[in-house]
Full PDB file with SEQRES, HELIX, SHEET, SSBOND, CRYST1, ORIGX, SCALE, CONECT and MASTER records, all heavy atoms in Angstrom:
SEQRES   1 A   33  ALA TRP HIS THR ALA GLY LEU ALA ASN GLY GLY GLN THR          
SEQRES   2 A   33  CYS GLU ASP PRO PRO GLY VAL ARG GLU GLY VAL GLY LEU          
SEQRES   3 A   33  LYS LEU TYR LEU ALA TYR LEU                                  
HELIX    1 AA1 TRP A    2  ALA A    8  1                                   7    
SHEET    1 AA1 2 GLY A  19  GLY A  23  0                                        
SHEET    2 AA1 2 LEU A  26  LEU A  30 -1                                        
CRYST1    1.000    1.000    1.000  90.00  90.00  90.00 P 1           1          
ORIGX1      1.000000  0.000000  0.000000        0.00000                         
ORIGX2      0.000000  1.000000  0.000000        0.00000                         
ORIGX3      0.000000  0.000000  1.000000        0.00000                         
SCALE1      1.000000  0.000000  0.000000        0.00000                         
SCALE2      0.000000  1.000000  0.000000        0.00000                         
SCALE3      0.000000  0.000000  1.000000        0.00000                         
ATOM      1  N   ALA A   1       0.862  -1.182  -0.046  1.00  0.00           N  
ATOM      2  CA  ALA A   1      -0.033  -0.067  -0.053  1.00  0.00           C  
ATOM      3  C   ALA A   1       0.827   1.290   0.063  1.00  0.00           C  
ATOM      4  O   ALA A   1       0.563   2.266  -0.714  1.00  0.00           O  
ATOM      5  CB  ALA A   1      -0.919  -0.056   1.199  1.00  0.00           C  
ATOM      6  N   TRP A   2       1.890   1.341   0.651  1.00  0.00           N  
ATOM      7  CA  TRP A   2       3.005   2.360   0.727  1.00  0.00           C  
ATOM      8  C   TRP A   2       3.450   2.559  -0.719  1.00  0.00           C  
ATOM      9  O   TRP A   2       3.487   3.774  -1.092  1.00  0.00           O  
ATOM     10  CB  TRP A   2       4.129   1.983   1.703  1.00  0.00           C  
ATOM     11  CG  TRP A   2       5.242   2.879   1.867  1.00  0.00           C  
ATOM     12  CD1 TRP A   2       5.410   3.918   2.811  1.00  0.00           C  
ATOM     13  CD2 TRP A   2       6.466   2.906   1.087  1.00  0.00           C  
ATOM     14  NE1 TRP A   2       6.449   4.505   2.589  1.00  0.00           N  
ATOM     15  CE2 TRP A   2       7.229   3.933   1.597  1.00  0.00           C  
ATOM     16  CE3 TRP A   2       6.876   2.205   0.032  1.00  0.00           C  
ATOM     17  CZ2 TRP A   2       8.505   4.288   1.105  1.00  0.00           C  
ATOM     18  CZ3 TRP A   2       8.115   2.438  -0.422  1.00  0.00           C  
ATOM     19  CH2 TRP A   2       8.962   3.593  -0.033  1.00  0.00           C  
ATOM     20  N   HIS A   3       3.785   1.535  -1.374  1.00  0.00           N  
ATOM     21  CA  HIS A   3       4.421   1.618  -2.697  1.00  0.00           C  
ATOM     22  C   HIS A   3       3.312   2.276  -3.641  1.00  0.00           C  
ATOM     23  O   HIS A   3       3.653   3.120  -4.515  1.00  0.00           O  
ATOM     24  CB  HIS A   3       4.931   0.259  -3.101  1.00  0.00           C  
ATOM     25  CG  HIS A   3       5.783   0.413  -4.384  1.00  0.00           C  
ATOM     26  ND1 HIS A   3       5.221  -0.004  -5.648  1.00  0.00           N  
ATOM     27  CD2 HIS A   3       7.075   0.666  -4.606  1.00  0.00           C  
ATOM     28  CE1 HIS A   3       6.083   0.127  -6.600  1.00  0.00           C  
ATOM     29  NE2 HIS A   3       7.160   0.586  -6.034  1.00  0.00           N  
ATOM     30  N   THR A   4       2.234   1.731  -3.626  1.00  0.00           N  
ATOM     31  CA  THR A   4       1.114   2.172  -4.384  1.00  0.00           C  
ATOM     32  C   THR A   4       0.770   3.667  -4.195  1.00  0.00           C  
ATOM     33  O   THR A   4       0.614   4.422  -5.146  1.00  0.00           O  
ATOM     34  CB  THR A   4      -0.199   1.325  -4.246  1.00  0.00           C  
ATOM     35  OG1 THR A   4       0.129  -0.030  -4.509  1.00  0.00           O  
ATOM     36  CG2 THR A   4      -1.287   1.872  -4.957  1.00  0.00           C  
ATOM     37  N   ALA A   5       0.696   4.023  -2.927  1.00  0.00           N  
ATOM     38  CA  ALA A   5       0.388   5.392  -2.485  1.00  0.00           C  
ATOM     39  C   ALA A   5       1.596   6.262  -3.022  1.00  0.00           C  
ATOM     40  O   ALA A   5       1.251   7.463  -3.467  1.00  0.00           O  
ATOM     41  CB  ALA A   5       0.240   5.535  -1.015  1.00  0.00           C  
ATOM     42  N   GLY A   6       2.662   5.844  -3.009  1.00  0.00           N  
ATOM     43  CA  GLY A   6       3.827   6.659  -3.521  1.00  0.00           C  
ATOM     44  C   GLY A   6       3.810   6.940  -5.080  1.00  0.00           C  
ATOM     45  O   GLY A   6       4.097   8.031  -5.365  1.00  0.00           O  
ATOM     46  N   LEU A   7       3.539   5.926  -5.682  1.00  0.00           N  
ATOM     47  CA  LEU A   7       3.530   5.975  -7.097  1.00  0.00           C  
ATOM     48  C   LEU A   7       2.316   6.914  -7.555  1.00  0.00           C  
ATOM     49  O   LEU A   7       2.348   7.681  -8.499  1.00  0.00           O  
ATOM     50  CB  LEU A   7       3.302   4.583  -7.813  1.00  0.00           C  
ATOM     51  CG  LEU A   7       4.431   3.654  -7.668  1.00  0.00           C  
ATOM     52  CD1 LEU A   7       4.141   2.268  -8.317  1.00  0.00           C  
ATOM     53  CD2 LEU A   7       5.723   4.266  -8.440  1.00  0.00           C  
ATOM     54  N   ALA A   8       1.173   6.816  -6.823  1.00  0.00           N  
ATOM     55  CA  ALA A   8       0.067   7.745  -6.988  1.00  0.00           C  
ATOM     56  C   ALA A   8       0.213   9.149  -6.669  1.00  0.00           C  
ATOM     57  O   ALA A   8      -0.651  10.043  -7.115  1.00  0.00           O  
ATOM     58  CB  ALA A   8      -1.195   7.057  -6.427  1.00  0.00           C  
ATOM     59  N   ASN A   9       1.336   9.542  -5.975  1.00  0.00           N  
ATOM     60  CA  ASN A   9       1.478  10.819  -5.477  1.00  0.00           C  
ATOM     61  C   ASN A   9       2.939  11.380  -5.928  1.00  0.00           C  
ATOM     62  O   ASN A   9       3.466  12.166  -5.088  1.00  0.00           O  
ATOM     63  CB  ASN A   9       1.324  10.766  -3.892  1.00  0.00           C  
ATOM     64  CG  ASN A   9      -0.188  10.763  -3.496  1.00  0.00           C  
ATOM     65  OD1 ASN A   9      -0.696  11.638  -3.503  1.00  0.00           O  
ATOM     66  ND2 ASN A   9      -0.638   9.526  -3.180  1.00  0.00           N  
ATOM     67  N   GLY A  10       3.372  11.013  -6.968  1.00  0.00           N  
ATOM     68  CA  GLY A  10       4.571  11.599  -7.506  1.00  0.00           C  
ATOM     69  C   GLY A  10       5.878  10.875  -7.279  1.00  0.00           C  
ATOM     70  O   GLY A  10       6.859  11.365  -7.760  1.00  0.00           O  
ATOM     71  N   GLY A  11       5.812   9.711  -6.738  1.00  0.00           N  
ATOM     72  CA  GLY A  11       7.100   8.927  -6.577  1.00  0.00           C  
ATOM     73  C   GLY A  11       7.421   8.087  -7.759  1.00  0.00           C  
ATOM     74  O   GLY A  11       6.458   7.929  -8.745  1.00  0.00           O  
ATOM     75  N   GLN A  12       8.522   7.579  -7.961  1.00  0.00           N  
ATOM     76  CA  GLN A  12       8.949   6.748  -9.032  1.00  0.00           C  
ATOM     77  C   GLN A  12       9.546   5.453  -8.504  1.00  0.00           C  
ATOM     78  O   GLN A  12      10.276   5.431  -7.476  1.00  0.00           O  
ATOM     79  CB  GLN A  12      10.010   7.464  -9.955  1.00  0.00           C  
ATOM     80  CG  GLN A  12       9.544   8.842 -10.578  1.00  0.00           C  
ATOM     81  CD  GLN A  12      10.581   9.362 -11.332  1.00  0.00           C  
ATOM     82  OE1 GLN A  12      11.829   9.048 -11.135  1.00  0.00           O  
ATOM     83  NE2 GLN A  12      10.373  10.250 -12.159  1.00  0.00           N  
ATOM     84  N   THR A  13       9.201   4.390  -9.143  1.00  0.00           N  
ATOM     85  CA  THR A  13       9.678   3.067  -8.708  1.00  0.00           C  
ATOM     86  C   THR A  13      11.139   3.053  -9.000  1.00  0.00           C  
ATOM     87  O   THR A  13      11.662   3.631  -9.995  1.00  0.00           O  
ATOM     88  CB  THR A  13       8.873   1.905  -9.326  1.00  0.00           C  
ATOM     89  OG1 THR A  13       9.123   0.688  -8.667  1.00  0.00           O  
ATOM     90  CG2 THR A  13       9.113   1.847 -10.877  1.00  0.00           C  
ATOM     91  N   CYS A  14      11.833   2.255  -8.208  1.00  0.00           N  
ATOM     92  CA  CYS A  14      13.328   2.085  -8.477  1.00  0.00           C  
ATOM     93  C   CYS A  14      13.705   0.656  -7.892  1.00  0.00           C  
ATOM     94  O   CYS A  14      12.910   0.050  -7.028  1.00  0.00           O  
ATOM     95  CB  CYS A  14      14.163   3.130  -7.872  1.00  0.00           C  
ATOM     96  SG  CYS A  14      14.232   3.297  -6.088  1.00  0.00           S  
ATOM     97  N   GLU A  15      14.792   0.148  -8.208  1.00  0.00           N  
ATOM     98  CA  GLU A  15      15.119  -1.213  -7.859  1.00  0.00           C  
ATOM     99  C   GLU A  15      14.206  -2.218  -8.293  1.00  0.00           C  
ATOM    100  O   GLU A  15      13.397  -2.051  -9.232  1.00  0.00           O  
ATOM    101  CB  GLU A  15      15.338  -1.204  -6.288  1.00  0.00           C  
ATOM    102  CG  GLU A  15      16.584  -0.335  -5.788  1.00  0.00           C  
ATOM    103  CD  GLU A  15      17.483  -0.892  -4.931  1.00  0.00           C  
ATOM    104  OE1 GLU A  15      17.394  -2.263  -4.613  1.00  0.00           O  
ATOM    105  OE2 GLU A  15      18.457  -0.291  -4.579  1.00  0.00           O  
ATOM    106  N   ASP A  16      14.127  -3.397  -7.649  1.00  0.00           N  
ATOM    107  CA  ASP A  16      13.249  -4.477  -7.978  1.00  0.00           C  
ATOM    108  C   ASP A  16      11.922  -4.262  -7.483  1.00  0.00           C  
ATOM    109  O   ASP A  16      11.649  -3.346  -6.558  1.00  0.00           O  
ATOM    110  CB  ASP A  16      13.666  -5.761  -7.321  1.00  0.00           C  
ATOM    111  CG  ASP A  16      15.161  -6.256  -7.935  1.00  0.00           C  
ATOM    112  OD1 ASP A  16      15.355  -5.992  -9.071  1.00  0.00           O  
ATOM    113  OD2 ASP A  16      15.918  -6.935  -7.128  1.00  0.00           O  
ATOM    114  N   PRO A  17      10.764  -4.854  -8.053  1.00  0.00           N  
ATOM    115  CA  PRO A  17       9.494  -4.627  -7.533  1.00  0.00           C  
ATOM    116  C   PRO A  17       9.340  -4.988  -6.093  1.00  0.00           C  
ATOM    117  O   PRO A  17      10.237  -5.767  -5.634  1.00  0.00           O  
ATOM    118  CB  PRO A  17       8.629  -5.545  -8.287  1.00  0.00           C  
ATOM    119  CG  PRO A  17       9.448  -5.918  -9.592  1.00  0.00           C  
ATOM    120  CD  PRO A  17      10.916  -5.769  -9.168  1.00  0.00           C  
ATOM    121  N   PRO A  18       8.338  -4.484  -5.361  1.00  0.00           N  
ATOM    122  CA  PRO A  18       8.221  -4.896  -4.021  1.00  0.00           C  
ATOM    123  C   PRO A  18       8.271  -6.507  -3.803  1.00  0.00           C  
ATOM    124  O   PRO A  18       7.620  -7.092  -4.732  1.00  0.00           O  
ATOM    125  CB  PRO A  18       6.670  -4.388  -3.669  1.00  0.00           C  
ATOM    126  CG  PRO A  18       6.594  -3.258  -4.492  1.00  0.00           C  
ATOM    127  CD  PRO A  18       7.271  -3.672  -5.833  1.00  0.00           C  
ATOM    128  N   GLY A  19       8.820  -6.873  -2.854  1.00  0.00           N  
ATOM    129  CA  GLY A  19       8.978  -8.371  -2.616  1.00  0.00           C  
ATOM    130  C   GLY A  19       9.882  -8.782  -1.570  1.00  0.00           C  
ATOM    131  O   GLY A  19      10.510  -7.922  -0.812  1.00  0.00           O  
ATOM    132  N   VAL A  20      10.188 -10.066  -1.363  1.00  0.00           N  
ATOM    133  CA  VAL A  20      10.956 -10.650  -0.303  1.00  0.00           C  
ATOM    134  C   VAL A  20      12.483 -10.501  -0.784  1.00  0.00           C  
ATOM    135  O   VAL A  20      12.831 -10.836  -1.876  1.00  0.00           O  
ATOM    136  CB  VAL A  20      10.627 -12.202  -0.124  1.00  0.00           C  
ATOM    137  CG1 VAL A  20      11.571 -12.711   0.926  1.00  0.00           C  
ATOM    138  CG2 VAL A  20       9.131 -12.210   0.404  1.00  0.00           C  
ATOM    139  N   ARG A  21      13.375 -10.144   0.159  1.00  0.00           N  
ATOM    140  CA  ARG A  21      14.774 -10.271   0.124  1.00  0.00           C  
ATOM    141  C   ARG A  21      15.270 -10.994   1.107  1.00  0.00           C  
ATOM    142  O   ARG A  21      14.843 -10.868   2.368  1.00  0.00           O  
ATOM    143  CB  ARG A  21      15.421  -8.787  -0.057  1.00  0.00           C  
ATOM    144  CG  ARG A  21      14.707  -7.723  -0.820  1.00  0.00           C  
ATOM    145  CD  ARG A  21      14.816  -8.027  -2.335  1.00  0.00           C  
ATOM    146  NE  ARG A  21      14.529  -6.695  -3.014  1.00  0.00           N  
ATOM    147  CZ  ARG A  21      13.266  -6.307  -3.309  1.00  0.00           C  
ATOM    148  NH1 ARG A  21      12.239  -6.848  -2.891  1.00  0.00           N  
ATOM    149  NH2 ARG A  21      13.077  -5.160  -4.042  1.00  0.00           N  
ATOM    150  N   GLU A  22      16.240 -11.891   0.910  1.00  0.00           N  
ATOM    151  CA  GLU A  22      16.865 -12.633   2.075  1.00  0.00           C  
ATOM    152  C   GLU A  22      18.396 -12.522   2.139  1.00  0.00           C  
ATOM    153  O   GLU A  22      18.893 -12.253   0.978  1.00  0.00           O  
ATOM    154  CB  GLU A  22      16.403 -14.095   1.897  1.00  0.00           C  
ATOM    155  CG  GLU A  22      15.059 -14.377   2.079  1.00  0.00           C  
ATOM    156  CD  GLU A  22      14.624 -15.853   2.116  1.00  0.00           C  
ATOM    157  OE1 GLU A  22      15.063 -16.550   3.020  1.00  0.00           O  
ATOM    158  OE2 GLU A  22      13.902 -16.254   1.140  1.00  0.00           O  
ATOM    159  N   GLY A  23      18.886 -12.530   3.252  1.00  0.00           N  
ATOM    160  CA  GLY A  23      20.431 -12.586   3.309  1.00  0.00           C  
ATOM    161  C   GLY A  23      20.747 -12.319   4.846  1.00  0.00           C  
ATOM    162  O   GLY A  23      19.997 -11.649   5.664  1.00  0.00           O  
ATOM    163  N   VAL A  24      21.883 -12.808   5.140  1.00  0.00           N  
ATOM    164  CA  VAL A  24      22.579 -12.705   6.477  1.00  0.00           C  
ATOM    165  C   VAL A  24      21.532 -12.997   7.499  1.00  0.00           C  
ATOM    166  O   VAL A  24      21.337 -12.446   8.564  1.00  0.00           O  
ATOM    167  CB  VAL A  24      22.991 -11.259   6.718  1.00  0.00           C  
ATOM    168  CG1 VAL A  24      23.917 -11.249   7.945  1.00  0.00           C  
ATOM    169  CG2 VAL A  24      23.758 -10.650   5.605  1.00  0.00           C  
ATOM    170  N   GLY A  25      20.713 -14.136   7.243  1.00  0.00           N  
ATOM    171  CA  GLY A  25      19.758 -14.610   8.254  1.00  0.00           C  
ATOM    172  C   GLY A  25      18.488 -13.799   8.354  1.00  0.00           C  
ATOM    173  O   GLY A  25      17.806 -14.031   9.343  1.00  0.00           O  
ATOM    174  N   LEU A  26      18.283 -12.808   7.526  1.00  0.00           N  
ATOM    175  CA  LEU A  26      17.171 -12.080   7.645  1.00  0.00           C  
ATOM    176  C   LEU A  26      16.179 -12.313   6.301  1.00  0.00           C  
ATOM    177  O   LEU A  26      16.620 -12.661   5.227  1.00  0.00           O  
ATOM    178  CB  LEU A  26      17.468 -10.552   7.476  1.00  0.00           C  
ATOM    179  CG  LEU A  26      18.355 -10.022   8.687  1.00  0.00           C  
ATOM    180  CD1 LEU A  26      18.719  -8.655   8.408  1.00  0.00           C  
ATOM    181  CD2 LEU A  26      17.531 -10.056   9.891  1.00  0.00           C  
ATOM    182  N   LYS A  27      14.887 -12.229   6.733  1.00  0.00           N  
ATOM    183  CA  LYS A  27      13.878 -12.192   5.548  1.00  0.00           C  
ATOM    184  C   LYS A  27      13.079 -11.002   5.724  1.00  0.00           C  
ATOM    185  O   LYS A  27      12.534 -10.780   6.574  1.00  0.00           O  
ATOM    186  CB  LYS A  27      13.048 -13.518   5.805  1.00  0.00           C  
ATOM    187  CG  LYS A  27      12.040 -13.669   4.556  1.00  0.00           C  
ATOM    188  CD  LYS A  27      11.317 -15.113   4.719  1.00  0.00           C  
ATOM    189  CE  LYS A  27      10.450 -15.341   3.543  1.00  0.00           C  
ATOM    190  NZ  LYS A  27       9.591 -16.660   3.802  1.00  0.00           N  
ATOM    191  N   LEU A  28      13.204 -10.226   4.629  1.00  0.00           N  
ATOM    192  CA  LEU A  28      12.603  -8.922   4.544  1.00  0.00           C  
ATOM    193  C   LEU A  28      11.635  -8.745   3.470  1.00  0.00           C  
ATOM    194  O   LEU A  28      11.834  -9.404   2.376  1.00  0.00           O  
ATOM    195  CB  LEU A  28      13.692  -7.801   4.473  1.00  0.00           C  
ATOM    196  CG  LEU A  28      14.853  -7.907   5.527  1.00  0.00           C  
ATOM    197  CD1 LEU A  28      15.931  -6.815   5.138  1.00  0.00           C  
ATOM    198  CD2 LEU A  28      14.407  -7.547   6.799  1.00  0.00           C  
ATOM    199  N   TYR A  29      10.554  -7.951   3.602  1.00  0.00           N  
ATOM    200  CA  TYR A  29       9.728  -7.628   2.493  1.00  0.00           C  
ATOM    201  C   TYR A  29       9.982  -6.164   2.363  1.00  0.00           C  
ATOM    202  O   TYR A  29       9.665  -5.266   3.220  1.00  0.00           O  
ATOM    203  CB  TYR A  29       8.161  -7.969   2.754  1.00  0.00           C  
ATOM    204  CG  TYR A  29       7.412  -7.822   1.582  1.00  0.00           C  
ATOM    205  CD1 TYR A  29       7.262  -8.930   0.727  1.00  0.00           C  
ATOM    206  CD2 TYR A  29       6.701  -6.630   1.341  1.00  0.00           C  
ATOM    207  CE1 TYR A  29       6.347  -8.814  -0.305  1.00  0.00           C  
ATOM    208  CE2 TYR A  29       5.850  -6.523   0.230  1.00  0.00           C  
ATOM    209  CZ  TYR A  29       5.688  -7.588  -0.673  1.00  0.00           C  
ATOM    210  OH  TYR A  29       4.871  -7.608  -1.780  1.00  0.00           O  
ATOM    211  N   LEU A  30      10.347  -5.833   1.116  1.00  0.00           N  
ATOM    212  CA  LEU A  30      10.806  -4.395   0.945  1.00  0.00           C  
ATOM    213  C   LEU A  30      10.232  -3.838  -0.385  1.00  0.00           C  
ATOM    214  O   LEU A  30       9.912  -4.537  -1.317  1.00  0.00           O  
ATOM    215  CB  LEU A  30      12.365  -4.308   0.630  1.00  0.00           C  
ATOM    216  CG  LEU A  30      13.304  -4.727   1.785  1.00  0.00           C  
ATOM    217  CD1 LEU A  30      14.629  -4.891   1.197  1.00  0.00           C  
ATOM    218  CD2 LEU A  30      13.281  -3.614   2.682  1.00  0.00           C  
ATOM    219  N   ALA A  31      10.016  -2.442  -0.437  1.00  0.00           N  
ATOM    220  CA  ALA A  31       9.672  -1.694  -1.597  1.00  0.00           C  
ATOM    221  C   ALA A  31      10.444  -0.506  -1.634  1.00  0.00           C  
ATOM    222  O   ALA A  31      10.630   0.171  -0.550  1.00  0.00           O  
ATOM    223  CB  ALA A  31       8.165  -1.523  -1.691  1.00  0.00           C  
ATOM    224  N   TYR A  32      10.964  -0.088  -2.823  1.00  0.00           N  
ATOM    225  CA  TYR A  32      11.760   1.101  -2.997  1.00  0.00           C  
ATOM    226  C   TYR A  32      11.044   2.163  -3.898  1.00  0.00           C  
ATOM    227  O   TYR A  32      10.339   1.682  -4.852  1.00  0.00           O  
ATOM    228  CB  TYR A  32      13.017   0.792  -3.612  1.00  0.00           C  
ATOM    229  CG  TYR A  32      13.918   0.043  -2.724  1.00  0.00           C  
ATOM    230  CD1 TYR A  32      13.944  -1.393  -2.664  1.00  0.00           C  
ATOM    231  CD2 TYR A  32      14.892   0.610  -1.862  1.00  0.00           C  
ATOM    232  CE1 TYR A  32      14.917  -2.067  -1.862  1.00  0.00           C  
ATOM    233  CE2 TYR A  32      15.670  -0.045  -0.994  1.00  0.00           C  
ATOM    234  CZ  TYR A  32      15.748  -1.449  -0.973  1.00  0.00           C  
ATOM    235  OH  TYR A  32      16.529  -2.146  -0.276  1.00  0.00           O  
ATOM    236  N   LEU A  33      11.227   3.357  -3.570  1.00  0.00           N  
ATOM    237  CA  LEU A  33      10.800   4.476  -4.313  1.00  0.00           C  
ATOM    238  C   LEU A  33      11.729   5.694  -4.485  1.00  0.00           C  
ATOM    239  O   LEU A  33      12.566   5.803  -3.447  1.00  0.00           O  
ATOM    240  CB  LEU A  33       9.470   5.203  -3.727  1.00  0.00           C  
ATOM    241  CG  LEU A  33       8.053   4.238  -3.848  1.00  0.00           C  
ATOM    242  CD1 LEU A  33       7.084   4.832  -2.890  1.00  0.00           C  
ATOM    243  CD2 LEU A  33       7.686   4.158  -5.269  1.00  0.00           C  
TER     244      LEU A  33                                                      
MASTER        0    0    0    1    2    0    0    6  243    1    0    3          
END                                                                             
């Protein structure tokens, strides 16, 4: 919802689409703008 609101209000997507990233024993769900 954060990502969608950002795109609707003048933000631009960057990096990979929103989703899961894993590494160093962490599992994160991220979105970038």
